[in-house]
Amino acid sequence: MDFSDFTTWPVAPSMKHRPTTFDPEAEAFLGHFSTFSAEMSNLLVELETFQQEINTSEQNTAQAVLDTRTELDNCRVEVNHCKDEVALARSHADTAYQWAETSRNIEVAPGEYSSRHYMLTAKEYVENLLQNPAFSSSTTPLTIGIGIQALVTAAALSYQPGMWLVIINKHQPRTWMKGYVDSYDSVTGDLSVKITGTSGTGTHSDWLVTQTNPEININFEITALELFKVQSFS
């Protein structure tokens, strides 16, 4: 903090000076005492203000120390919490590993199975599908949508109520509907499917119908071999 400067004192009167010089010098010198007194008062105020600033600074410093200690305590709590979270994550990782490695048809939780179970189920489905393909085609105009879809396909197929099917547009393989058989007339080929999932929009009339699996996520890309199979039902 910068303090105010004092005004320079006038020249002190000297007994050697003539009265005409001494009197004005004495009057100026004595008159400066009131200025000096006021400047001293200002200095005292400044000193008191400076002391208050020191006190405030000390209080702020003390509070900062307390805040820092509080933050350190909070950090310790967070570190311990992180340790608990790491331990929990390790436990979950161990559980996930056990779930992934658990064999087929063994529940790892009520109604839940391991990734190995789903992998084996999908593999079995694909193998069965390759060995006993359930392909058919239909030219019934259908509008993509959820709910019952009725179409006419081939007769004497092995479609059974509850069997999962996917109905794919032959020319737009990303346009499809997935669901389960509601009813099938093996004499007329009339097929009713309860659709639960779709991709694409619009009304189409050139369909491939084939068996699928509800546990498999569909992301259709028709290959050359699949197109050949599709054409065989045209």
Protein backbone atom coordinates (compact mmCIF):
# COMPACT_ATOMS: atom_id res chain seq x y z
CA MET A 1 0.00 0.00 0.00
CA ASP A 2 1.31 3.49 -0.86
CA PHE A 3 1.05 6.14 1.84
CA SER A 4 0.46 9.86 1.22
CA ASP A 5 3.50 12.13 1.16
CA PHE A 6 3.97 14.94 3.67
CA THR A 7 4.11 18.52 2.49
CA THR A 8 7.60 20.02 2.77
CA TRP A 9 8.01 22.26 5.81
CA PRO A 10 8.59 25.98 5.22
CA VAL A 11 12.00 27.45 6.08
CA ALA A 12 12.33 27.82 9.84
CA PRO A 13 12.68 31.44 11.04
CA SER A 14 16.12 32.55 12.19
CA MET A 15 16.98 35.04 14.94
CA LYS A 16 19.59 36.41 12.60
CA HIS A 17 16.96 37.63 10.17
CA ARG A 18 15.52 41.09 10.30
CA PRO A 19 12.01 41.42 11.68
CA THR A 20 10.66 42.04 8.20
CA THR A 21 11.98 38.60 7.17
CA PHE A 22 11.56 36.78 10.49
CA ASP A 23 7.88 37.55 10.98
CA PRO A 24 6.61 36.07 7.67
CA GLU A 25 8.90 33.04 8.10
CA ALA A 26 7.65 32.44 11.64
CA GLU A 27 4.03 32.84 10.59
CA ALA A 28 4.46 30.37 7.67
CA PHE A 29 6.34 27.89 9.85
CA LEU A 30 3.81 27.95 12.69
CA GLY A 31 0.90 27.90 10.21
CA HIS A 32 2.21 24.66 8.73
CA PHE A 33 1.48 22.78 11.98
CA SER A 34 -2.21 22.60 11.07
CA THR A 35 -1.30 21.10 7.68
CA PHE A 36 1.10 18.68 9.35
CA SER A 37 -1.61 17.67 11.85
CA ALA A 38 -4.11 16.98 9.05
CA GLU A 39 -1.53 14.95 7.14
CA MET A 40 -0.73 12.95 10.30
CA SER A 41 -4.46 12.24 10.72
CA ASN A 42 -4.62 11.03 7.12
CA LEU A 43 -1.60 8.82 7.77
CA LEU A 44 -3.30 7.28 10.82
CA VAL A 45 -6.40 6.52 8.73
CA GLU A 46 -4.21 4.95 6.06
CA LEU A 47 -2.38 2.90 8.68
CA GLU A 48 -5.68 1.67 10.13
CA THR A 49 -6.90 0.77 6.63
CA PHE A 50 -3.66 -1.06 5.98
CA GLN A 51 -4.05 -2.96 9.24
CA GLN A 52 -7.59 -3.94 8.26
CA GLU A 53 -6.30 -5.18 4.91
CA ILE A 54 -3.67 -7.23 6.73
CA ASN A 55 -6.34 -8.69 9.02
CA THR A 56 -8.59 -9.46 6.07
CA SER A 57 -5.69 -11.06 4.22
CA GLU A 58 -4.88 -13.20 7.24
CA GLN A 59 -8.53 -14.25 7.51
CA ASN A 60 -8.68 -15.06 3.81
CA THR A 61 -5.45 -17.03 4.05
CA ALA A 62 -6.75 -18.95 7.05
CA GLN A 63 -10.02 -19.66 5.20
CA ALA A 64 -8.08 -20.76 2.12
CA VAL A 65 -6.10 -23.18 4.28
CA LEU A 66 -9.34 -24.57 5.72
CA ASP A 67 -10.85 -24.84 2.25
CA THR A 68 -7.75 -26.62 1.00
CA ARG A 69 -7.91 -29.07 3.89
CA THR A 70 -11.59 -29.66 3.12
CA GLU A 71 -10.79 -30.26 -0.54
CA LEU A 72 -8.06 -32.69 0.44
CA ASP A 73 -10.50 -34.56 2.67
CA ASN A 74 -13.00 -34.63 -0.20
CA CYS A 75 -10.30 -35.91 -2.54
CA ARG A 76 -9.50 -38.68 -0.09
CA VAL A 77 -13.18 -39.61 -0.02
CA GLU A 78 -13.30 -39.58 -3.83
CA VAL A 79 -10.17 -41.70 -4.06
CA ASN A 80 -11.68 -44.25 -1.69
CA HIS A 81 -14.90 -44.14 -3.72
CA CYS A 82 -12.91 -44.72 -6.91
CA LYS A 83 -11.20 -47.67 -5.28
CA ASP A 84 -14.61 -49.09 -4.42
CA GLU A 85 -15.79 -48.51 -7.99
CA VAL A 86 -12.70 -50.23 -9.38
CA ALA A 87 -13.32 -53.20 -7.09
CA LEU A 88 -16.96 -53.29 -8.21
CA ALA A 89 -15.92 -53.05 -11.87
CA ARG A 90 -13.52 -55.94 -11.38
CA SER A 91 -16.33 -57.93 -9.81
CA HIS A 92 -18.59 -57.12 -12.76
CA ALA A 93 -15.79 -58.08 -15.15
CA ASP A 94 -15.39 -61.42 -13.41
CA THR A 95 -19.14 -61.95 -13.56
CA ALA A 96 -19.21 -60.98 -17.25
CA TYR A 97 -16.42 -63.44 -17.96
CA GLN A 98 -18.34 -66.19 -16.17
CA TRP A 99 -21.49 -65.24 -18.10
CA ALA A 100 -19.60 -65.31 -21.38
CA GLU A 101 -18.12 -68.73 -20.69
CA THR A 102 -21.19 -70.44 -19.21
CA SER A 103 -22.35 -73.35 -21.33
CA ARG A 104 -25.51 -73.70 -23.42
CA ASN A 105 -29.00 -73.56 -21.83
CA ILE A 106 -27.74 -72.62 -18.35
CA GLU A 107 -29.26 -69.43 -16.94
CA VAL A 108 -26.77 -66.91 -15.60
CA ALA A 109 -29.71 -64.91 -14.21
CA PRO A 110 -33.47 -65.46 -14.32
CA GLY A 111 -34.39 -65.58 -18.01
CA GLU A 112 -30.87 -64.62 -19.12
CA TYR A 113 -28.21 -66.76 -20.78
CA SER A 114 -24.53 -66.40 -21.57
CA SER A 115 -23.09 -65.04 -24.79
CA ARG A 116 -21.83 -68.55 -25.51
CA HIS A 117 -25.43 -69.77 -25.32
CA TYR A 118 -26.58 -67.21 -27.89
CA MET A 119 -23.57 -67.90 -30.11
CA LEU A 120 -24.28 -71.62 -30.12
CA THR A 121 -28.00 -70.97 -30.68
CA ALA A 122 -27.25 -68.77 -33.67
CA LYS A 123 -24.75 -71.28 -35.03
CA GLU A 124 -27.29 -74.08 -34.70
CA TYR A 125 -29.94 -71.96 -36.40
CA VAL A 126 -27.66 -71.17 -39.35
CA GLU A 127 -26.64 -74.82 -39.69
CA ASN A 128 -30.28 -75.94 -39.63
CA LEU A 129 -31.23 -73.25 -42.10
CA LEU A 130 -28.49 -74.32 -44.51
CA GLN A 131 -29.49 -77.97 -44.19
CA ASN A 132 -33.26 -77.38 -44.33
CA PRO A 133 -33.90 -74.00 -45.96
CA ALA A 134 -37.47 -72.74 -45.66
CA PHE A 135 -37.55 -70.33 -48.60
CA SER A 136 -40.60 -69.21 -50.50
CA SER A 137 -41.65 -66.18 -52.50
CA SER A 138 -44.75 -64.01 -52.81
CA THR A 139 -46.09 -61.33 -55.14
CA THR A 140 -48.73 -60.10 -52.68
CA PRO A 141 -48.60 -56.27 -52.37
CA LEU A 142 -47.63 -55.44 -48.79
CA THR A 143 -47.02 -52.09 -47.08
CA ILE A 144 -44.16 -52.06 -44.59
CA GLY A 145 -45.62 -51.90 -41.07
CA ILE A 146 -46.06 -53.51 -37.65
CA GLY A 147 -48.93 -55.93 -37.06
CA ILE A 148 -50.60 -58.71 -39.07
CA GLN A 149 -49.47 -59.05 -42.70
CA ALA A 150 -51.38 -61.48 -44.93
CA LEU A 151 -49.82 -62.83 -48.13
CA VAL A 152 -50.04 -65.81 -50.48
CA THR A 153 -46.95 -67.96 -50.89
CA ALA A 154 -46.20 -71.56 -51.88
CA ALA A 155 -48.32 -74.44 -50.56
CA ALA A 156 -47.13 -77.53 -48.66
CA LEU A 157 -44.39 -75.71 -46.74
CA SER A 158 -43.34 -76.47 -43.18
CA TYR A 159 -44.44 -73.12 -41.74
CA GLN A 160 -45.98 -73.56 -38.28
CA PRO A 161 -47.65 -71.02 -35.93
CA GLY A 162 -44.97 -69.34 -33.83
CA MET A 163 -42.20 -69.95 -36.38
CA TRP A 164 -40.18 -66.77 -36.99
CA LEU A 165 -39.99 -65.53 -40.58
CA VAL A 166 -38.46 -62.59 -42.37
CA ILE A 167 -40.07 -61.15 -45.49
CA ILE A 168 -37.42 -59.44 -47.66
CA ASN A 169 -37.91 -57.33 -50.77
CA LYS A 170 -35.94 -59.09 -53.51
CA HIS A 171 -34.79 -55.87 -55.16
CA GLN A 172 -34.27 -53.79 -52.00
CA PRO A 173 -32.68 -56.13 -49.43
CA ARG A 174 -32.71 -53.42 -46.77
CA THR A 175 -36.51 -53.38 -46.99
CA TRP A 176 -37.88 -56.18 -44.81
CA MET A 177 -40.37 -57.21 -42.14
CA LYS A 178 -39.70 -59.70 -39.36
CA GLY A 179 -42.26 -61.57 -37.25
CA TYR A 180 -43.78 -64.94 -36.38
CA VAL A 181 -46.34 -67.11 -38.16
CA ASP A 182 -49.88 -66.41 -37.02
CA SER A 183 -51.45 -68.97 -39.38
CA TYR A 184 -50.59 -70.88 -42.53
CA ASP A 185 -52.81 -72.87 -44.90
CA SER A 186 -50.61 -75.54 -46.46
CA VAL A 187 -53.26 -76.18 -49.15
CA THR A 188 -53.81 -72.62 -50.42
CA GLY A 189 -50.48 -71.10 -49.32
CA ASP A 190 -52.29 -68.33 -47.41
CA LEU A 191 -49.82 -67.05 -44.80
CA SER A 192 -50.49 -64.62 -41.92
CA VAL A 193 -47.47 -63.17 -40.10
CA LYS A 194 -47.47 -61.04 -36.94
CA ILE A 195 -44.79 -58.43 -37.76
CA THR A 196 -42.71 -57.11 -34.82
CA GLY A 197 -39.81 -55.40 -36.62
CA THR A 198 -39.31 -53.61 -39.94
CA SER A 199 -36.79 -51.81 -42.11
CA GLY A 200 -37.61 -49.51 -45.03
CA THR A 201 -40.93 -48.01 -46.12
CA GLY A 202 -43.49 -48.20 -48.91
CA THR A 203 -45.60 -50.85 -50.61
CA HIS A 204 -43.90 -53.72 -52.48
CA SER A 205 -44.95 -56.95 -54.19
CA ASP A 206 -41.81 -58.97 -54.87
CA TRP A 207 -40.94 -60.82 -51.67
CA LEU A 208 -38.63 -63.54 -50.41
CA VAL A 209 -39.97 -65.33 -47.31
CA THR A 210 -37.56 -67.33 -45.18
CA GLN A 211 -37.16 -68.66 -41.67
CA THR A 212 -35.24 -66.55 -39.13
CA ASN A 213 -34.46 -66.47 -35.44
CA PRO A 214 -35.83 -63.88 -32.94
CA GLU A 215 -32.50 -63.88 -31.08
CA ILE A 216 -30.57 -62.69 -34.14
CA ASN A 217 -30.20 -59.00 -35.00
CA ILE A 218 -31.04 -58.57 -38.70
CA ASN A 219 -28.76 -56.49 -40.88
CA PHE A 220 -29.48 -57.89 -44.34
CA GLU A 221 -26.98 -57.75 -47.19
CA ILE A 222 -28.05 -60.06 -50.05
CA THR A 223 -25.02 -61.90 -51.49
CA ALA A 224 -24.70 -63.36 -54.98
CA LEU A 225 -25.46 -66.83 -53.63
CA GLU A 226 -28.56 -65.57 -51.82
CA LEU A 227 -29.74 -63.79 -54.96
CA PHE A 228 -29.38 -67.08 -56.82
CA LYS A 229 -31.55 -68.74 -54.18
CA VAL A 230 -34.08 -65.93 -54.47
CA GLN A 231 -34.26 -66.31 -58.26
CA SER A 232 -34.86 -70.04 -57.87
CA PHE A 233 -38.23 -69.21 -56.23
CA SER A 234 -39.21 -66.59 -58.82
